[in-house]
Amino acid sequence: MNNGKTVVTVLDDEPRMISALKRLLGTHGYEVVLFETGEDFIKAARGLFPTCLLPHLHMPRASGFEVLQSMAAFERRLPIVLLPLTISVHPKNHA
């Protein structure tokens, strides 16, 4: 799956965030594996070997918090970067 690239697993249910992260990380040479629910990640996690995990904290069917709890049962460690609840960009902040 990784073709020599660093694998980053993203867990998010917001299409705009998924698109932005996939584009940003892909541009920098990372392979991005996406899950739209924490439950889907938990089911697949034992067969995955990501280099880094980016979970969104509030998702349907197993939150980022539940994902973190499930990761404690795994026999390996990996960097985890928590995604914020929401990202809001206001045009006046870019002036």
Protein backbone atom coordinates (compact mmCIF):
# COMPACT_ATOMS: atom_id res chain seq x y z
CA MET A 1 0.00 0.00 0.00
CA ASN A 2 2.72 2.53 0.83
CA ASN A 3 4.97 2.35 -2.29
CA GLY A 4 7.83 3.73 -0.19
CA LYS A 5 5.78 6.74 0.92
CA THR A 6 4.99 7.77 4.45
CA VAL A 7 1.40 6.71 5.21
CA VAL A 8 -0.85 9.16 7.05
CA THR A 9 -4.27 7.92 8.14
CA VAL A 10 -6.95 10.61 8.30
CA LEU A 11 -10.23 10.09 10.16
CA ASP A 12 -12.76 12.78 9.35
CA ASP A 13 -16.39 12.97 8.27
CA GLU A 14 -16.25 16.47 6.75
CA PRO A 15 -15.78 16.33 2.96
CA ARG A 16 -14.03 19.73 2.77
CA MET A 17 -11.52 18.77 5.45
CA ILE A 18 -10.89 15.39 3.82
CA SER A 19 -10.30 17.02 0.45
CA ALA A 20 -7.99 19.68 1.89
CA LEU A 21 -5.91 17.21 3.91
CA LYS A 22 -5.63 14.75 1.03
CA ARG A 23 -4.48 17.51 -1.32
CA LEU A 24 -2.07 19.08 1.20
CA LEU A 25 -0.49 15.83 2.38
CA GLY A 26 -0.39 14.34 -1.13
CA THR A 27 1.39 17.43 -2.44
CA HIS A 28 4.12 16.81 0.13
CA GLY A 29 4.55 13.17 -0.89
CA TYR A 30 2.49 11.43 1.77
CA GLU A 31 0.17 8.55 1.00
CA VAL A 32 -3.20 9.33 2.58
CA VAL A 33 -5.56 6.62 3.82
CA LEU A 34 -9.03 7.97 4.62
CA PHE A 35 -11.76 6.81 6.98
CA GLU A 36 -15.03 8.69 7.35
CA THR A 37 -15.95 7.08 10.68
CA GLY A 38 -13.99 6.02 13.70
CA GLU A 39 -15.82 2.70 13.62
CA ASP A 40 -14.51 1.94 10.13
CA PHE A 41 -10.97 2.73 11.24
CA ILE A 42 -11.22 0.56 14.36
CA LYS A 43 -12.40 -2.40 12.24
CA ALA A 44 -9.48 -2.01 9.82
CA ALA A 45 -6.79 -0.78 12.21
CA ARG A 46 -5.09 -4.06 13.04
CA GLY A 47 -4.17 -4.51 9.38
CA LEU A 48 -2.94 -0.93 8.93
CA PHE A 49 0.53 0.35 9.61
CA PRO A 50 0.28 4.13 9.30
CA THR A 51 3.19 6.37 10.14
CA CYS A 52 0.86 8.96 11.66
CA LEU A 53 -2.82 9.18 12.62
CA LEU A 54 -4.96 12.33 12.27
CA PRO A 55 -8.33 11.72 13.96
CA HIS A 56 -11.12 14.27 14.09
CA LEU A 57 -12.42 14.25 17.64
CA HIS A 58 -16.15 14.43 16.92
CA MET A 59 -17.32 11.91 14.33
CA PRO A 60 -20.32 9.60 13.99
CA ARG A 61 -20.08 5.94 15.02
CA ALA A 62 -16.98 6.10 17.22
CA SER A 63 -15.45 9.47 17.96
CA GLY A 64 -11.79 10.35 17.80
CA PHE A 65 -11.73 9.79 21.56
CA GLU A 66 -12.97 6.22 21.10
CA VAL A 67 -10.37 5.68 18.40
CA LEU A 68 -7.65 6.79 20.82
CA GLN A 69 -8.96 4.36 23.43
CA SER A 70 -8.90 1.52 20.91
CA MET A 71 -5.32 2.41 19.93
CA ALA A 72 -4.25 1.77 23.52
CA ALA A 73 -4.97 -1.94 22.94
CA PHE A 74 -2.54 -2.13 20.01
CA GLU A 75 1.00 -3.29 20.50
CA ARG A 76 2.55 -0.37 18.61
CA ARG A 77 2.99 3.35 19.03
CA LEU A 78 2.54 6.07 16.45
CA PRO A 79 2.29 9.85 16.39
CA ILE A 80 -1.26 11.14 16.68
CA VAL A 81 -2.23 14.67 15.67
CA LEU A 82 -5.71 15.62 16.85
CA LEU A 83 -7.78 17.60 14.38
CA PRO A 84 -9.78 20.56 15.73
CA LEU A 85 -13.53 20.49 16.00
CA THR A 86 -14.02 22.92 13.13
CA ILE A 87 -11.99 25.26 11.02
CA SER A 88 -13.47 28.60 10.19
CA VAL A 89 -11.87 31.07 7.82
CA HIS A 90 -13.14 34.62 7.71
CA PRO A 91 -12.14 36.87 4.78
CA LYS A 92 -11.38 39.80 7.11
CA ASN A 93 -8.63 37.72 8.78
CA HIS A 94 -6.76 37.52 5.48
CA ALA A 95 -6.63 41.23 4.75
